[in-house]
Amino acid sequence: MRKWIGNVLLASGVFVIAYVGFQHGYKLYLEKKILSDTIVTAEALLPPGVDANQEGVPNDMRIVIPKLSLDVPVLEGATKDNLRVAVTHLEGTGRVGIKGENSVILGHRSFVTGEFFSELDKLQKGDTFSITSSSTEFEYEVVDQKIIDPSDLSVLSTIPEESLVTLITCHPRYSSKQRLVVIAKQKG
């Protein structure tokens, strides 16, 4: 009888570990699919003839968001490889710190707390963050946070005489139904 109970407990433990591993893998798969959908949607919105290799986009950019304890590189190009290791600047969107331009930054909303844009929903109007490179630092203040449909392109718009940064991730987590968007204007 004890041997039978031991086998049942062992089988139950193996099942629980396999189930948790499957859930983890499935969530990771969904996250990658959602971000891929976001990239395709955003790239489809760029005007024809946009040069993806923009001059003036520093290759050593970092985004620092103190409220989220976030300090990560901003890589150029929203590729799957780049998004695995950092947040990315969407090619063809504005340059950071330039008036009349909107720099769009995409990031995973990972299930790992504190990783990339996992806690982006905590940013509120008035919060600040910076984007830095070896030669410059730009301070931004959050002016809006909203949930949009993937087809809503209004968040890619520019405002004359304003330097904008738009942070985009999936919403809710593990779903491609909507996007969480944080819009910030350069301070000063």
Protein backbone atom coordinates (compact mmCIF):
# COMPACT_ATOMS: atom_id res chain seq x y z
CA MET A 1 0.00 0.00 0.00
CA ARG A 2 2.83 2.42 0.88
CA LYS A 3 4.56 1.69 -2.41
CA TRP A 4 1.36 2.48 -4.28
CA ILE A 5 0.92 5.80 -2.41
CA GLY A 6 4.57 6.66 -3.09
CA ASN A 7 4.09 5.99 -6.81
CA VAL A 8 0.93 8.13 -6.88
CA LEU A 9 2.73 10.99 -5.13
CA LEU A 10 5.73 10.69 -7.45
CA ALA A 11 3.49 10.67 -10.53
CA SER A 12 1.56 13.66 -9.17
CA GLY A 13 4.80 15.58 -8.62
CA VAL A 14 6.01 14.82 -12.15
CA PHE A 15 2.62 15.91 -13.53
CA VAL A 16 2.70 19.21 -11.59
CA ILE A 17 6.24 20.00 -12.74
CA ALA A 18 5.38 19.16 -16.36
CA TYR A 19 2.19 21.24 -16.18
CA VAL A 20 4.01 24.28 -14.78
CA GLY A 21 6.75 23.90 -17.41
CA PHE A 22 4.14 23.68 -20.17
CA GLN A 23 2.36 26.80 -18.88
CA HIS A 24 5.64 28.70 -18.71
CA GLY A 25 6.56 27.68 -22.26
CA TYR A 26 3.09 28.47 -23.59
CA LYS A 27 3.12 31.94 -22.00
CA LEU A 28 6.54 32.60 -23.53
CA TYR A 29 5.23 31.48 -26.93
CA LEU A 30 2.20 33.78 -26.60
CA GLU A 31 4.38 36.71 -25.57
CA LYS A 32 6.63 36.28 -28.61
CA LYS A 33 3.62 35.96 -30.93
CA ILE A 34 2.00 39.07 -29.48
CA LEU A 35 5.16 41.14 -29.85
CA SER A 36 5.64 39.86 -33.37
CA ASP A 37 2.07 40.97 -34.19
CA THR A 38 2.83 44.39 -32.66
CA ILE A 39 5.96 44.79 -34.78
CA VAL A 40 4.14 43.82 -37.98
CA THR A 41 1.30 46.26 -37.18
CA ALA A 42 3.68 49.12 -36.37
CA GLU A 43 5.92 48.55 -39.40
CA ALA A 44 2.89 48.51 -41.69
CA LEU A 45 2.09 52.03 -40.51
CA LEU A 46 5.37 53.59 -41.58
CA PRO A 47 5.21 55.82 -44.64
CA PRO A 48 6.55 54.36 -47.90
CA GLY A 49 10.22 54.97 -48.50
CA VAL A 50 11.17 55.42 -44.84
CA ASP A 51 14.87 54.76 -44.40
CA ALA A 52 15.20 52.08 -41.73
CA ASN A 53 18.88 52.93 -41.19
CA GLN A 54 18.39 56.37 -39.73
CA GLU A 55 21.34 58.63 -39.19
CA GLY A 56 21.51 60.21 -35.78
CA VAL A 57 20.07 57.27 -33.84
CA PRO A 58 22.71 56.52 -31.19
CA ASN A 59 23.70 52.88 -30.92
CA ASP A 60 24.37 53.14 -27.20
CA MET A 61 20.96 54.37 -26.00
CA ARG A 62 19.50 53.32 -22.65
CA ILE A 63 16.13 54.00 -21.10
CA VAL A 64 16.13 54.63 -17.37
CA ILE A 65 12.77 54.62 -15.57
CA PRO A 66 13.44 55.12 -11.83
CA LYS A 67 9.85 54.39 -10.76
CA LEU A 68 10.13 50.90 -12.31
CA SER A 69 13.79 50.36 -11.32
CA LEU A 70 14.41 49.87 -15.03
CA ASP A 71 17.70 50.59 -16.80
CA VAL A 72 17.99 48.73 -20.12
CA PRO A 73 19.55 49.23 -23.54
CA VAL A 74 17.43 50.54 -26.41
CA LEU A 75 18.53 48.65 -29.51
CA GLU A 76 17.83 49.88 -33.02
CA GLY A 77 15.37 47.66 -34.86
CA ALA A 78 12.43 45.74 -33.44
CA THR A 79 13.70 42.28 -34.33
CA LYS A 80 12.95 39.14 -32.36
CA ASP A 81 16.62 38.80 -31.41
CA ASN A 82 16.84 42.39 -30.16
CA LEU A 83 13.59 42.12 -28.20
CA ARG A 84 14.88 39.08 -26.34
CA VAL A 85 17.66 41.09 -24.73
CA ALA A 86 16.41 44.69 -24.54
CA VAL A 87 13.74 47.15 -25.60
CA THR A 88 13.92 48.44 -29.16
CA HIS A 89 13.51 51.62 -31.15
CA LEU A 90 11.06 51.03 -34.00
CA GLU A 91 12.94 51.73 -37.21
CA GLY A 92 11.55 54.62 -39.19
CA THR A 93 10.06 56.44 -36.21
CA GLY A 94 11.47 59.65 -34.78
CA ARG A 95 14.78 60.30 -33.13
CA VAL A 96 14.98 60.98 -29.43
CA GLY A 97 15.32 64.65 -28.48
CA ILE A 98 14.26 66.05 -31.86
CA LYS A 99 11.29 68.45 -31.88
CA GLY A 100 8.48 67.39 -34.17
CA GLU A 101 9.44 63.69 -33.94
CA ASN A 102 7.94 60.73 -32.07
CA SER A 103 10.39 57.99 -31.10
CA VAL A 104 8.55 54.68 -30.62
CA ILE A 105 10.08 52.13 -28.25
CA LEU A 106 8.73 48.57 -28.07
CA GLY A 107 9.36 46.06 -25.30
CA HIS A 108 8.21 42.72 -23.97
CA ARG A 109 5.76 42.71 -21.10
CA SER A 110 7.37 39.67 -19.62
CA PHE A 111 5.98 37.49 -16.88
CA VAL A 112 9.24 38.12 -15.02
CA THR A 113 8.60 41.05 -12.67
CA GLY A 114 10.82 44.01 -13.44
CA GLU A 115 11.94 42.74 -16.83
CA PHE A 116 11.66 45.24 -19.66
CA PHE A 117 8.11 46.68 -19.86
CA SER A 118 6.46 44.19 -17.49
CA GLU A 119 5.46 46.99 -15.09
CA LEU A 120 4.84 49.73 -17.66
CA ASP A 121 1.23 50.03 -16.46
CA LYS A 122 2.54 51.59 -13.21
CA LEU A 123 3.69 54.74 -15.02
CA GLN A 124 1.27 57.63 -14.54
CA LYS A 125 0.92 61.17 -15.79
CA GLY A 126 3.73 63.28 -14.33
CA ASP A 127 6.22 60.40 -13.88
CA THR A 128 9.60 60.95 -15.50
CA PHE A 129 12.24 58.86 -17.22
CA SER A 130 15.36 59.51 -19.25
CA ILE A 131 16.92 58.25 -22.41
CA THR A 132 20.69 58.47 -22.41
CA SER A 133 23.64 57.81 -24.64
CA SER A 134 27.33 58.38 -24.10
CA SER A 135 26.99 61.98 -25.27
CA THR A 136 23.46 63.09 -24.30
CA GLU A 137 20.63 62.68 -21.82
CA PHE A 138 17.01 63.54 -22.51
CA GLU A 139 14.39 63.81 -19.76
CA TYR A 140 10.77 62.91 -20.54
CA GLU A 141 7.55 63.34 -18.57
CA VAL A 142 4.58 61.03 -19.01
CA VAL A 143 1.56 62.90 -20.38
CA ASP A 144 -0.77 59.98 -21.17
CA GLN A 145 -1.27 56.28 -20.66
CA LYS A 146 -3.90 54.38 -22.57
CA ILE A 147 -5.04 51.03 -23.83
CA ILE A 148 -5.63 50.89 -27.58
CA ASP A 149 -6.54 48.44 -30.29
CA PRO A 150 -3.61 47.29 -32.46
CA SER A 151 -5.13 49.13 -35.42
CA ASP A 152 -5.08 52.52 -33.62
CA LEU A 153 -2.26 54.40 -35.30
CA SER A 154 -2.86 57.74 -33.63
CA VAL A 155 -0.11 57.00 -31.07
CA LEU A 156 2.50 57.22 -33.84
CA SER A 157 1.55 60.84 -34.59
CA THR A 158 3.88 63.74 -34.01
CA ILE A 159 3.25 67.15 -32.47
CA PRO A 160 5.05 70.13 -34.01
CA GLU A 161 7.58 71.67 -31.61
CA GLU A 162 7.38 68.66 -29.24
CA SER A 163 9.80 65.75 -28.85
CA LEU A 164 7.76 62.65 -27.98
CA VAL A 165 8.66 59.16 -26.84
CA THR A 166 5.95 56.50 -27.09
CA LEU A 167 6.44 53.25 -25.15
CA ILE A 168 4.37 50.29 -26.40
CA THR A 169 3.80 46.78 -25.07
CA CYS A 170 1.04 44.15 -25.21
CA HIS A 171 -2.08 44.31 -23.02
CA PRO A 172 -3.28 42.42 -21.15
CA ARG A 173 -0.33 40.16 -20.56
CA TYR A 174 -0.26 37.10 -22.84
CA SER A 175 -2.87 38.56 -25.18
CA SER A 176 -2.60 40.34 -28.50
CA LYS A 177 -6.02 41.95 -28.17
CA GLN A 178 -4.77 45.41 -27.18
CA ARG A 179 -1.68 47.52 -26.57
CA LEU A 180 -0.60 49.46 -23.50
CA VAL A 181 0.81 52.81 -24.59
CA VAL A 182 2.68 55.42 -22.54
CA ILE A 183 3.27 58.77 -24.21
CA ALA A 184 5.85 61.23 -22.86
CA LYS A 185 7.03 64.71 -23.85
CA GLN A 186 10.55 66.00 -23.48
CA LYS A 187 10.93 68.22 -20.41
CA GLY A 188 12.10 71.79 -20.73
